[in-house]
Amino acid sequence: MGATVEGQQDADRRLLCAVAAGDESALEGLYVRHGPALLAYAEGLLTDRHRAEETVQDTLLAVWRGADSFQGRSTVRTWLFGICRRQALRRMGVRGGPVHVPIDAAVEVAADEPGPEAVTLARADARTVAAAMRTLPAIHREVLDLAFGAGLTRDEIAVVLDVPVGTVKSRLFHARAVLARALADGTEDAPAAAQQAAGRGGRR
């Protein structure tokens, strides 16, 4: 699997080098490989499909103009998400904002970490999860989106958000705790429960 990932990363780097040389088809190649994930992420940030599509177009334009600025300190995929995030936040006119995480992704948050939180999330129905997700602080919703929607590693998320890896781990931990607490207390009590839990970890 590692070789496959490395092969994908090599392919991305080759495409980006071609973009830097003025190859429009290479830019299209990057879009085919990463466009859907970028669109989903942008739509989560903006909660508007049309604006998300425009953000992806802005991202591609930025890549076309600045492909030669890529220094290889991260993967191309991570670099693309970082650009997409900046373009989305520019459209929002703020440095951060509400983020929506797909329900399926939320249910899978703790799927690989057996325990009370994992059981709570796995047993919750979609509507209950949706209600609980709305109570999560924006910084927690975004980190969940990047981890389980975009499939980025913790190190990659740290690069995209420009925060230490420890901060990413903390946000993921507290996001799971807040979500599980809200679900355990039931839909009607979810907002209050989430706010109480977030007060203990939301500023990490």
N, C-alpha and C. Protein backbone atom coordinates (compact mmCIF):
# COMPACT_ATOMS: atom_id res chain seq x y z
N MET A 1 0.83 -1.20 0.00
CA MET A 1 0.00 0.00 0.00
C MET A 1 0.86 1.25 0.00
N GLY A 2 2.02 1.18 0.76
CA GLY A 2 2.91 2.31 0.82
C GLY A 2 3.42 2.68 -0.55
N ALA A 3 3.77 1.62 -1.35
CA ALA A 3 4.28 1.88 -2.69
C ALA A 3 3.23 2.56 -3.54
N THR A 4 1.97 2.16 -3.35
CA THR A 4 0.89 2.77 -4.12
C THR A 4 0.75 4.25 -3.77
N VAL A 5 0.81 4.55 -2.49
CA VAL A 5 0.72 5.94 -2.06
C VAL A 5 1.88 6.74 -2.61
N GLU A 6 3.08 6.17 -2.53
CA GLU A 6 4.26 6.85 -3.06
C GLU A 6 4.12 7.06 -4.56
N GLY A 7 3.56 6.07 -5.24
CA GLY A 7 3.35 6.19 -6.68
C GLY A 7 2.39 7.32 -7.01
N GLN A 8 1.34 7.44 -6.21
CA GLN A 8 0.37 8.52 -6.42
C GLN A 8 1.01 9.88 -6.17
N GLN A 9 1.84 9.94 -5.14
CA GLN A 9 2.51 11.20 -4.83
C GLN A 9 3.50 11.58 -5.94
N ASP A 10 4.19 10.58 -6.47
CA ASP A 10 5.11 10.84 -7.58
C ASP A 10 4.35 11.34 -8.80
N ALA A 11 3.19 10.74 -9.06
CA ALA A 11 2.38 11.16 -10.20
C ALA A 11 1.92 12.60 -10.01
N ASP A 12 1.53 12.94 -8.80
CA ASP A 12 1.11 14.32 -8.51
C ASP A 12 2.25 15.30 -8.75
N ARG A 13 3.44 14.93 -8.30
CA ARG A 13 4.60 15.82 -8.49
C ARG A 13 4.93 16.00 -9.96
N ARG A 14 4.82 14.92 -10.72
CA ARG A 14 5.08 15.02 -12.17
C ARG A 14 4.06 15.94 -12.83
N LEU A 15 2.81 15.79 -12.45
CA LEU A 15 1.76 16.64 -13.01
C LEU A 15 2.00 18.10 -12.65
N LEU A 16 2.37 18.36 -11.41
CA LEU A 16 2.59 19.74 -10.98
C LEU A 16 3.79 20.35 -11.70
N CYS A 17 4.82 19.56 -11.92
CA CYS A 17 5.98 20.05 -12.68
C CYS A 17 5.56 20.41 -14.10
N ALA A 18 4.67 19.60 -14.67
CA ALA A 18 4.18 19.87 -16.02
C ALA A 18 3.33 21.13 -16.03
N VAL A 19 2.54 21.33 -14.98
CA VAL A 19 1.74 22.55 -14.87
C VAL A 19 2.66 23.76 -14.83
N ALA A 20 3.73 23.67 -14.06
CA ALA A 20 4.69 24.77 -13.95
C ALA A 20 5.32 25.09 -15.29
N ALA A 21 5.37 24.08 -16.17
CA ALA A 21 5.94 24.27 -17.50
C ALA A 21 4.90 24.75 -18.51
N GLY A 22 3.66 24.94 -18.03
CA GLY A 22 2.62 25.47 -18.91
C GLY A 22 1.73 24.44 -19.56
N ASP A 23 1.71 23.22 -19.03
CA ASP A 23 0.90 22.15 -19.60
C ASP A 23 -0.51 22.18 -19.00
N GLU A 24 -1.49 22.64 -19.77
CA GLU A 24 -2.86 22.73 -19.28
C GLU A 24 -3.47 21.36 -19.01
N SER A 25 -3.08 20.37 -19.80
CA SER A 25 -3.63 19.03 -19.60
C SER A 25 -3.18 18.46 -18.25
N ALA A 26 -2.02 18.87 -17.78
CA ALA A 26 -1.54 18.41 -16.48
C ALA A 26 -2.40 19.00 -15.36
N LEU A 27 -2.82 20.25 -15.55
CA LEU A 27 -3.71 20.87 -14.57
C LEU A 27 -5.04 20.12 -14.52
N GLU A 28 -5.51 19.74 -15.70
CA GLU A 28 -6.75 18.96 -15.77
C GLU A 28 -6.56 17.62 -15.06
N GLY A 29 -5.36 17.06 -15.21
CA GLY A 29 -5.06 15.80 -14.55
C GLY A 29 -5.12 15.92 -13.03
N LEU A 30 -4.59 17.01 -12.50
CA LEU A 30 -4.67 17.24 -11.06
C LEU A 30 -6.12 17.40 -10.61
N TYR A 31 -6.90 18.08 -11.45
CA TYR A 31 -8.31 18.28 -11.12
C TYR A 31 -9.05 16.94 -11.07
N VAL A 32 -8.77 16.08 -12.03
CA VAL A 32 -9.42 14.77 -12.07
C VAL A 32 -9.08 13.97 -10.81
N ARG A 33 -7.83 14.07 -10.38
CA ARG A 33 -7.37 13.30 -9.23
C ARG A 33 -7.87 13.86 -7.89
N HIS A 34 -7.95 15.18 -7.80
CA HIS A 34 -8.24 15.79 -6.50
C HIS A 34 -9.46 16.70 -6.46
N GLY A 35 -10.00 17.02 -7.63
CA GLY A 35 -11.13 17.94 -7.69
C GLY A 35 -12.32 17.57 -6.83
N PRO A 36 -12.79 16.33 -6.89
CA PRO A 36 -13.97 15.95 -6.08
C PRO A 36 -13.75 16.16 -4.58
N ALA A 37 -12.58 15.78 -4.09
CA ALA A 37 -12.29 15.94 -2.66
C ALA A 37 -12.18 17.42 -2.29
N LEU A 38 -11.58 18.21 -3.16
CA LEU A 38 -11.47 19.64 -2.90
C LEU A 38 -12.85 20.29 -2.89
N LEU A 39 -13.71 19.87 -3.81
CA LEU A 39 -15.06 20.42 -3.87
C LEU A 39 -15.85 20.09 -2.61
N ALA A 40 -15.73 18.85 -2.15
CA ALA A 40 -16.44 18.45 -0.93
C ALA A 40 -15.95 19.25 0.27
N TYR A 41 -14.65 19.47 0.33
CA TYR A 41 -14.09 20.24 1.45
C TYR A 41 -14.54 21.69 1.39
N ALA A 42 -14.48 22.28 0.20
CA ALA A 42 -14.90 23.68 0.04
C ALA A 42 -16.39 23.84 0.34
N GLU A 43 -17.19 22.87 -0.08
CA GLU A 43 -18.63 22.96 0.20
C GLU A 43 -18.89 22.84 1.69
N GLY A 44 -18.07 22.05 2.38
CA GLY A 44 -18.22 21.95 3.82
C GLY A 44 -17.91 23.26 4.51
N LEU A 45 -16.88 23.96 4.03
CA LEU A 45 -16.52 25.24 4.61
C LEU A 45 -17.55 26.32 4.32
N LEU A 46 -18.03 26.34 3.08
CA LEU A 46 -18.91 27.42 2.63
C LEU A 46 -20.39 27.11 2.74
N THR A 47 -20.73 25.82 2.87
CA THR A 47 -22.12 25.35 2.91
C THR A 47 -22.93 25.87 1.72
N ASP A 48 -22.28 25.98 0.58
CA ASP A 48 -22.94 26.46 -0.63
C ASP A 48 -22.23 25.85 -1.83
N ARG A 49 -22.97 25.05 -2.60
CA ARG A 49 -22.37 24.32 -3.72
C ARG A 49 -21.76 25.25 -4.77
N HIS A 50 -22.50 26.27 -5.14
CA HIS A 50 -22.03 27.18 -6.19
C HIS A 50 -20.75 27.89 -5.77
N ARG A 51 -20.73 28.40 -4.55
CA ARG A 51 -19.54 29.09 -4.07
C ARG A 51 -18.37 28.12 -3.92
N ALA A 52 -18.68 26.87 -3.58
CA ALA A 52 -17.64 25.85 -3.47
C ALA A 52 -17.01 25.57 -4.83
N GLU A 53 -17.85 25.49 -5.86
CA GLU A 53 -17.34 25.27 -7.21
C GLU A 53 -16.45 26.42 -7.66
N GLU A 54 -16.86 27.63 -7.32
CA GLU A 54 -16.06 28.80 -7.65
C GLU A 54 -14.73 28.78 -6.89
N THR A 55 -14.78 28.29 -5.67
CA THR A 55 -13.56 28.20 -4.87
C THR A 55 -12.58 27.22 -5.47
N VAL A 56 -13.08 26.10 -5.97
CA VAL A 56 -12.21 25.12 -6.61
C VAL A 56 -11.60 25.71 -7.87
N GLN A 57 -12.39 26.49 -8.62
CA GLN A 57 -11.85 27.16 -9.80
C GLN A 57 -10.77 28.15 -9.40
N ASP A 58 -11.00 28.88 -8.31
CA ASP A 58 -9.98 29.81 -7.80
C ASP A 58 -8.72 29.05 -7.41
N THR A 59 -8.92 27.88 -6.84
CA THR A 59 -7.78 27.05 -6.42
C THR A 59 -6.96 26.62 -7.63
N LEU A 60 -7.65 26.18 -8.67
CA LEU A 60 -6.95 25.74 -9.88
C LEU A 60 -6.20 26.90 -10.52
N LEU A 61 -6.81 28.08 -10.51
CA LEU A 61 -6.14 29.25 -11.08
C LEU A 61 -4.88 29.58 -10.28
N ALA A 62 -4.99 29.47 -8.95
CA ALA A 62 -3.83 29.74 -8.10
C ALA A 62 -2.73 28.71 -8.35
N VAL A 63 -3.12 27.46 -8.58
CA VAL A 63 -2.14 26.42 -8.88
C VAL A 63 -1.47 26.70 -10.22
N TRP A 64 -2.25 27.10 -11.20
CA TRP A 64 -1.72 27.41 -12.53
C TRP A 64 -0.69 28.53 -12.45
N ARG A 65 -1.01 29.53 -11.66
CA ARG A 65 -0.12 30.69 -11.55
C ARG A 65 1.08 30.45 -10.63
N GLY A 66 0.91 29.54 -9.67
CA GLY A 66 1.98 29.37 -8.69
C GLY A 66 2.55 27.98 -8.57
N ALA A 67 2.39 27.16 -9.60
CA ALA A 67 2.90 25.79 -9.54
C ALA A 67 4.40 25.74 -9.26
N ASP A 68 5.12 26.72 -9.79
CA ASP A 68 6.57 26.71 -9.60
C ASP A 68 6.99 27.12 -8.18
N SER A 69 6.02 27.51 -7.36
CA SER A 69 6.34 27.90 -5.98
C SER A 69 6.30 26.71 -5.03
N PHE A 70 5.83 25.56 -5.52
CA PHE A 70 5.78 24.36 -4.68
C PHE A 70 7.20 23.91 -4.37
N GLN A 71 7.51 23.80 -3.09
CA GLN A 71 8.87 23.47 -2.67
C GLN A 71 9.04 22.04 -2.18
N GLY A 72 7.98 21.27 -2.23
CA GLY A 72 8.08 19.87 -1.85
C GLY A 72 8.16 19.59 -0.37
N ARG A 73 7.79 20.56 0.45
CA ARG A 73 7.82 20.36 1.89
C ARG A 73 6.63 19.54 2.38
N SER A 74 5.65 19.39 1.53
CA SER A 74 4.47 18.57 1.83
C SER A 74 4.12 17.82 0.56
N THR A 75 3.09 17.00 0.62
CA THR A 75 2.62 16.35 -0.60
C THR A 75 1.86 17.37 -1.43
N VAL A 76 1.73 17.09 -2.71
CA VAL A 76 0.98 17.98 -3.58
C VAL A 76 -0.47 18.05 -3.12
N ARG A 77 -1.02 16.92 -2.71
CA ARG A 77 -2.42 16.89 -2.25
C ARG A 77 -2.61 17.82 -1.05
N THR A 78 -1.71 17.77 -0.09
CA THR A 78 -1.79 18.65 1.07
C THR A 78 -1.69 20.10 0.65
N TRP A 79 -0.78 20.38 -0.27
CA TRP A 79 -0.58 21.74 -0.79
C TRP A 79 -1.87 22.25 -1.43
N LEU A 80 -2.53 21.40 -2.20
CA LEU A 80 -3.78 21.78 -2.85
C LEU A 80 -4.86 22.10 -1.83
N PHE A 81 -4.96 21.30 -0.79
CA PHE A 81 -5.97 21.57 0.24
C PHE A 81 -5.68 22.87 0.97
N GLY A 82 -4.41 23.16 1.17
CA GLY A 82 -4.06 24.42 1.81
C GLY A 82 -4.49 25.61 0.97
N ILE A 83 -4.28 25.52 -0.34
CA ILE A 83 -4.69 26.59 -1.24
C ILE A 83 -6.21 26.72 -1.25
N CYS A 84 -6.89 25.58 -1.31
CA CYS A 84 -8.35 25.57 -1.32
C CYS A 84 -8.91 26.21 -0.06
N ARG A 85 -8.31 25.91 1.07
CA ARG A 85 -8.77 26.49 2.33
C ARG A 85 -8.62 28.01 2.33
N ARG A 86 -7.48 28.48 1.85
CA ARG A 86 -7.26 29.93 1.82
C ARG A 86 -8.25 30.61 0.88
N GLN A 87 -8.52 29.97 -0.26
CA GLN A 87 -9.47 30.55 -1.21
C GLN A 87 -10.89 30.58 -0.61
N ALA A 88 -11.25 29.52 0.09
CA ALA A 88 -12.58 29.46 0.71
C ALA A 88 -12.72 30.51 1.80
N LEU A 89 -11.71 30.63 2.64
CA LEU A 89 -11.78 31.62 3.72
C LEU A 89 -11.77 33.03 3.17
N ARG A 90 -11.11 33.23 2.05
CA ARG A 90 -11.13 34.56 1.42
C ARG A 90 -12.56 34.90 0.98
N ARG A 91 -13.26 33.92 0.45
CA ARG A 91 -14.65 34.16 0.04
C ARG A 91 -15.55 34.41 1.25
N MET A 92 -15.21 33.79 2.35
CA MET A 92 -16.00 33.98 3.57
C MET A 92 -15.67 35.32 4.22
N GLY A 93 -14.51 35.86 3.91
CA GLY A 93 -14.12 37.14 4.48
C GLY A 93 -13.68 37.05 5.92
N VAL A 94 -13.40 35.81 6.37
CA VAL A 94 -12.96 35.61 7.75
C VAL A 94 -11.84 34.57 7.75
N ARG A 95 -11.21 34.40 8.91
CA ARG A 95 -10.12 33.44 9.03
C ARG A 95 -10.63 32.04 9.36
N GLY A 96 -11.89 31.93 9.70
CA GLY A 96 -12.45 30.63 10.02
C GLY A 96 -13.96 30.72 9.96
N GLY A 97 -14.65 29.59 9.97
CA GLY A 97 -16.09 29.66 9.93
C GLY A 97 -16.73 28.30 10.07
N PRO A 98 -18.05 28.25 10.00
CA PRO A 98 -18.77 27.00 10.18
C PRO A 98 -18.35 25.96 9.15
N VAL A 99 -18.22 24.74 9.58
CA VAL A 99 -17.83 23.66 8.69
C VAL A 99 -18.81 22.51 8.85
N HIS A 100 -19.23 21.95 7.74
CA HIS A 100 -20.15 20.82 7.76
C HIS A 100 -19.37 19.55 7.50
N VAL A 101 -19.61 18.51 8.28
CA VAL A 101 -18.98 17.22 8.06
C VAL A 101 -20.05 16.23 7.63
N PRO A 102 -19.83 15.51 6.50
CA PRO A 102 -20.82 14.54 6.05
C PRO A 102 -21.19 13.57 7.17
N ILE A 103 -22.46 13.20 7.25
CA ILE A 103 -22.92 12.32 8.31
C ILE A 103 -22.18 10.99 8.30
N ASP A 104 -21.97 10.41 7.13
CA ASP A 104 -21.28 9.13 7.05
C ASP A 104 -19.89 9.23 7.65
N ALA A 105 -19.20 10.34 7.40
CA ALA A 105 -17.86 10.52 7.94
C ALA A 105 -17.91 10.62 9.46
N ALA A 106 -18.92 11.29 9.97
CA ALA A 106 -19.02 11.47 11.42
C ALA A 106 -19.22 10.13 12.12
N VAL A 107 -20.02 9.27 11.52
CA VAL A 107 -20.28 7.98 12.12
C VAL A 107 -19.02 7.14 12.17
N GLU A 108 -18.10 7.37 11.20
CA GLU A 108 -16.88 6.59 11.13
C GLU A 108 -15.75 7.16 11.97
N VAL A 109 -15.98 8.27 12.65
CA VAL A 109 -14.92 8.96 13.37
C VAL A 109 -14.11 8.04 14.26
N ALA A 110 -14.78 7.22 15.05
CA ALA A 110 -14.04 6.39 15.99
C ALA A 110 -14.10 4.91 15.62
N ALA A 111 -14.38 4.63 14.36
CA ALA A 111 -14.56 3.25 13.95
C ALA A 111 -13.32 2.40 14.16
N ASP A 112 -12.11 3.02 14.10
CA ASP A 112 -10.89 2.25 14.25
C ASP A 112 -10.35 2.33 15.68
N GLU A 113 -11.13 2.86 16.59
CA GLU A 113 -10.69 2.98 17.98
C GLU A 113 -11.79 2.45 18.90
N PRO A 114 -11.88 1.11 19.07
CA PRO A 114 -12.93 0.51 19.87
C PRO A 114 -12.99 1.11 21.27
N GLY A 115 -14.20 1.31 21.76
CA GLY A 115 -14.37 1.90 23.08
C GLY A 115 -15.75 2.51 23.18
N PRO A 116 -16.09 3.08 24.32
CA PRO A 116 -17.42 3.67 24.51
C PRO A 116 -17.79 4.68 23.44
N GLU A 117 -16.84 5.56 23.06
CA GLU A 117 -17.15 6.58 22.06
C GLU A 117 -17.44 5.93 20.72
N ALA A 118 -16.65 4.91 20.35
CA ALA A 118 -16.85 4.24 19.07
C ALA A 118 -18.22 3.58 19.03
N VAL A 119 -18.59 2.92 20.12
CA VAL A 119 -19.89 2.24 20.17
C VAL A 119 -21.02 3.26 20.06
N THR A 120 -20.89 4.37 20.77
CA THR A 120 -21.93 5.40 20.73
C THR A 120 -22.11 5.94 19.32
N LEU A 121 -21.00 6.24 18.65
CA LEU A 121 -21.07 6.78 17.29
C LEU A 121 -21.63 5.76 16.31
N ALA A 122 -21.21 4.50 16.47
CA ALA A 122 -21.65 3.46 15.55
C ALA A 122 -23.14 3.17 15.66
N ARG A 123 -23.70 3.33 16.86
CA ARG A 123 -25.11 3.01 17.08
C ARG A 123 -26.06 4.16 16.76
N ALA A 124 -25.50 5.35 16.62
CA ALA A 124 -26.35 6.52 16.39
C ALA A 124 -26.93 6.52 14.99
N ASP A 125 -28.19 6.98 14.86
CA ASP A 125 -28.77 7.10 13.53
C ASP A 125 -28.35 8.44 12.92
N ALA A 126 -28.54 8.55 11.62
CA ALA A 126 -28.04 9.71 10.88
C ALA A 126 -28.62 11.03 11.39
N ARG A 127 -29.93 11.04 11.71
CA ARG A 127 -30.56 12.29 12.14
C ARG A 127 -30.00 12.75 13.49
N THR A 128 -29.77 11.78 14.38
CA THR A 128 -29.22 12.12 15.69
C THR A 128 -27.80 12.65 15.55
N VAL A 129 -27.01 12.00 14.68
CA VAL A 129 -25.64 12.45 14.45
C VAL A 129 -25.65 13.86 13.86
N ALA A 130 -26.58 14.10 12.93
CA ALA A 130 -26.66 15.42 12.29
C ALA A 130 -26.92 16.50 13.33
N ALA A 131 -27.84 16.22 14.26
CA ALA A 131 -28.15 17.20 15.30
C ALA A 131 -26.95 17.45 16.20
N ALA A 132 -26.25 16.37 16.53
CA ALA A 132 -25.07 16.51 17.39
C ALA A 132 -23.94 17.23 16.67
N MET A 133 -23.77 16.94 15.38
CA MET A 133 -22.69 17.57 14.62
C MET A 133 -22.84 19.08 14.58
N ARG A 134 -24.09 19.56 14.55
CA ARG A 134 -24.32 21.00 14.48
C ARG A 134 -23.86 21.72 15.74
N THR A 135 -23.66 20.96 16.82
CA THR A 135 -23.24 21.58 18.08
C THR A 135 -21.73 21.65 18.23
N LEU A 136 -20.99 20.98 17.36
CA LEU A 136 -19.54 20.97 17.49
C LEU A 136 -18.94 22.33 17.14
N PRO A 137 -17.90 22.74 17.84
CA PRO A 137 -17.20 23.97 17.49
C PRO A 137 -16.65 23.85 16.07
N ALA A 138 -16.56 24.95 15.36
CA ALA A 138 -16.12 24.94 13.97
C ALA A 138 -14.75 24.30 13.79
N ILE A 139 -13.82 24.56 14.71
CA ILE A 139 -12.48 24.01 14.56
C ILE A 139 -12.49 22.50 14.65
N HIS A 140 -13.43 21.94 15.39
CA HIS A 140 -13.53 20.49 15.50
C HIS A 140 -14.20 19.90 14.27
N ARG A 141 -15.20 20.56 13.76
CA ARG A 141 -15.88 20.05 12.56
C ARG A 141 -14.91 20.04 11.38
N GLU A 142 -14.10 21.08 11.27
CA GLU A 142 -13.18 21.14 10.13
C GLU A 142 -12.13 20.04 10.20
N VAL A 143 -11.59 19.79 11.38
CA VAL A 143 -10.56 18.77 11.49
C VAL A 143 -11.13 17.39 11.21
N LEU A 144 -12.40 17.17 11.57
CA LEU A 144 -13.06 15.91 11.24
C LEU A 144 -13.25 15.78 9.73
N ASP A 145 -13.61 16.87 9.10
CA ASP A 145 -13.82 16.87 7.65
C ASP A 145 -12.54 16.50 6.92
N LEU A 146 -11.42 17.08 7.35
CA LEU A 146 -10.14 16.80 6.71
C LEU A 146 -9.68 15.37 6.97
N ALA A 147 -9.94 14.89 8.18
CA ALA A 147 -9.48 13.55 8.53
C ALA A 147 -10.33 12.45 7.91
N PHE A 148 -11.65 12.60 7.97
CA PHE A 148 -12.51 11.52 7.54
C PHE A 148 -13.24 11.80 6.23
N GLY A 149 -13.27 13.05 5.81
CA GLY A 149 -13.84 13.37 4.51
C GLY A 149 -12.78 13.35 3.43
N ALA A 150 -11.67 14.08 3.68
CA ALA A 150 -10.59 14.16 2.70
C ALA A 150 -9.57 13.04 2.87
N GLY A 151 -9.57 12.40 4.03
CA GLY A 151 -8.65 11.29 4.24
C GLY A 151 -7.21 11.71 4.47
N LEU A 152 -6.99 12.91 4.97
CA LEU A 152 -5.63 13.37 5.23
C LEU A 152 -5.12 12.81 6.56
N THR A 153 -3.80 12.63 6.64
CA THR A 153 -3.20 12.18 7.88
C THR A 153 -3.13 13.35 8.86
N ARG A 154 -2.81 13.06 10.10
CA ARG A 154 -2.70 14.13 11.09
C ARG A 154 -1.60 15.12 10.72
N ASP A 155 -0.48 14.59 10.21
CA ASP A 155 0.61 15.48 9.79
C ASP A 155 0.15 16.38 8.65
N GLU A 156 -0.60 15.82 7.71
CA GLU A 156 -1.07 16.61 6.57
C GLU A 156 -2.09 17.67 7.02
N ILE A 157 -2.96 17.29 7.94
CA ILE A 157 -3.94 18.25 8.45
C ILE A 157 -3.23 19.41 9.13
N ALA A 158 -2.17 19.10 9.86
CA ALA A 158 -1.40 20.15 10.54
C ALA A 158 -0.84 21.15 9.54
N VAL A 159 -0.41 20.66 8.38
CA VAL A 159 0.13 21.54 7.35
C VAL A 159 -0.98 22.41 6.77
N VAL A 160 -2.12 21.80 6.46
CA VAL A 160 -3.24 22.54 5.88
C VAL A 160 -3.73 23.63 6.82
N LEU A 161 -3.85 23.30 8.09
CA LEU A 161 -4.38 24.26 9.07
C LEU A 161 -3.30 25.17 9.65
N ASP A 162 -2.04 24.84 9.36
CA ASP A 162 -0.90 25.61 9.87
C ASP A 162 -0.91 25.63 11.40
N VAL A 163 -1.06 24.44 11.97
CA VAL A 163 -1.02 24.28 13.42
C VAL A 163 -0.13 23.08 13.75
N PRO A 164 0.35 22.96 14.98
CA PRO A 164 1.16 21.80 15.37
C PRO A 164 0.35 20.51 15.29
N VAL A 165 1.05 19.39 15.06
CA VAL A 165 0.37 18.09 15.00
C VAL A 165 -0.34 17.81 16.32
N GLY A 166 0.26 18.23 17.42
CA GLY A 166 -0.36 18.03 18.72
C GLY A 166 -1.72 18.70 18.82
N THR A 167 -1.84 19.85 18.17
CA THR A 167 -3.12 20.57 18.16
C THR A 167 -4.17 19.79 17.38
N VAL A 168 -3.75 19.19 16.27
CA VAL A 168 -4.66 18.37 15.47
C VAL A 168 -5.15 17.19 16.29
N LYS A 169 -4.23 16.51 16.97
CA LYS A 169 -4.60 15.36 17.80
C LYS A 169 -5.58 15.78 18.89
N SER A 170 -5.31 16.93 19.50
CA SER A 170 -6.19 17.43 20.56
C SER A 170 -7.58 17.73 20.03
N ARG A 171 -7.64 18.37 18.86
CA ARG A 171 -8.95 18.71 18.29
C ARG A 171 -9.73 17.45 17.93
N LEU A 172 -9.04 16.45 17.37
CA LEU A 172 -9.72 15.20 17.04
C LEU A 172 -10.23 14.52 18.30
N PHE A 173 -9.40 14.49 19.32
CA PHE A 173 -9.79 13.85 20.59
C PHE A 173 -11.02 14.53 21.18
N HIS A 174 -10.99 15.84 21.25
CA HIS A 174 -12.10 16.57 21.85
C HIS A 174 -13.35 16.51 20.96
N ALA A 175 -13.16 16.49 19.64
CA ALA A 175 -14.31 16.39 18.74
C ALA A 175 -15.04 15.08 18.96
N ARG A 176 -14.28 13.98 19.09
CA ARG A 176 -14.90 12.68 19.37
C ARG A 176 -15.64 12.69 20.70
N ALA A 177 -14.98 13.29 21.70
CA ALA A 177 -15.58 13.31 23.04
C ALA A 177 -16.88 14.12 23.06
N VAL A 178 -16.84 15.30 22.42
CA VAL A 178 -18.02 16.16 22.38
C VAL A 178 -19.16 15.48 21.63
N LEU A 179 -18.83 14.90 20.48
CA LEU A 179 -19.86 14.25 19.67
C LEU A 179 -20.45 13.05 20.40
N ALA A 180 -19.60 12.22 20.99
CA ALA A 180 -20.09 11.04 21.71
C ALA A 180 -20.95 11.44 22.90
N ARG A 181 -20.55 12.50 23.63
CA ARG A 181 -21.33 12.95 24.78
C ARG A 181 -22.71 13.44 24.34
N ALA A 182 -22.73 14.20 23.25
CA ALA A 182 -23.99 14.72 22.75
C ALA A 182 -24.92 13.59 22.34
N LEU A 183 -24.36 12.57 21.69
CA LEU A 183 -25.17 11.44 21.25
C LEU A 183 -25.66 10.62 22.44
N ALA A 184 -24.81 10.44 23.42
CA ALA A 184 -25.18 9.64 24.59
C ALA A 184 -26.30 10.31 25.39
N ASP A 185 -26.32 11.64 25.40
CA ASP A 185 -27.33 12.37 26.16
C ASP A 185 -28.63 12.54 25.39
N GLY A 186 -28.63 12.16 24.12
CA GLY A 186 -29.85 12.25 23.33
C GLY A 186 -29.93 13.52 22.53
N THR A 187 -30.72 13.49 21.45
CA THR A 187 -30.83 14.62 20.53
C THR A 187 -31.28 15.90 21.21
N GLU A 188 -32.28 15.82 22.09
CA GLU A 188 -32.82 17.04 22.69
C GLU A 188 -31.80 17.74 23.57
N ASP A 189 -30.95 16.94 24.23
CA ASP A 189 -29.96 17.52 25.13
C ASP A 189 -28.61 17.70 24.46
N ALA A 190 -28.50 17.38 23.17
CA ALA A 190 -27.21 17.41 22.49
C ALA A 190 -26.55 18.78 22.52
N PRO A 191 -27.25 19.86 22.18
CA PRO A 191 -26.57 21.16 22.17
C PRO A 191 -25.97 21.52 23.52
N ALA A 192 -26.73 21.34 24.59
CA ALA A 192 -26.23 21.70 25.92
C ALA A 192 -25.05 20.82 26.30
N ALA A 193 -25.16 19.53 26.00
CA ALA A 193 -24.08 18.61 26.35
C ALA A 193 -22.82 18.94 25.58
N ALA A 194 -22.99 19.23 24.29
CA ALA A 194 -21.84 19.53 23.46
C ALA A 194 -21.17 20.82 23.90
N GLN A 195 -21.97 21.82 24.22
CA GLN A 195 -21.40 23.09 24.65
C GLN A 195 -20.63 22.93 25.96
N GLN A 196 -21.16 22.09 26.85
CA GLN A 196 -20.49 21.85 28.12
C GLN A 196 -19.15 21.17 27.90
N ALA A 197 -19.15 20.14 27.03
CA ALA A 197 -17.91 19.42 26.76
C ALA A 197 -16.93 20.29 25.99
N ALA A 198 -17.45 21.08 25.05
CA ALA A 198 -16.59 21.94 24.24
C ALA A 198 -15.92 22.99 25.10
N GLY A 199 -16.60 23.40 26.15
CA GLY A 199 -16.02 24.40 27.04
C GLY A 199 -14.75 23.91 27.70
N ARG A 200 -14.64 22.57 27.82
CA ARG A 200 -13.45 22.02 28.44
C ARG A 200 -12.34 21.79 27.43
N GLY A 201 -12.72 21.60 26.13
CA GLY A 201 -11.66 21.30 25.18
C GLY A 201 -11.71 22.08 23.90
N GLY A 202 -12.71 22.94 23.72
CA GLY A 202 -12.89 23.64 22.46
C GLY A 202 -11.83 24.66 22.14
N ARG A 203 -11.04 25.09 23.15
CA ARG A 203 -10.05 26.12 22.88
C ARG A 203 -8.67 25.55 22.63
N ARG A 204 -8.58 24.22 22.43
CA ARG A 204 -7.28 23.61 22.20
C ARG A 204 -6.74 23.98 20.83
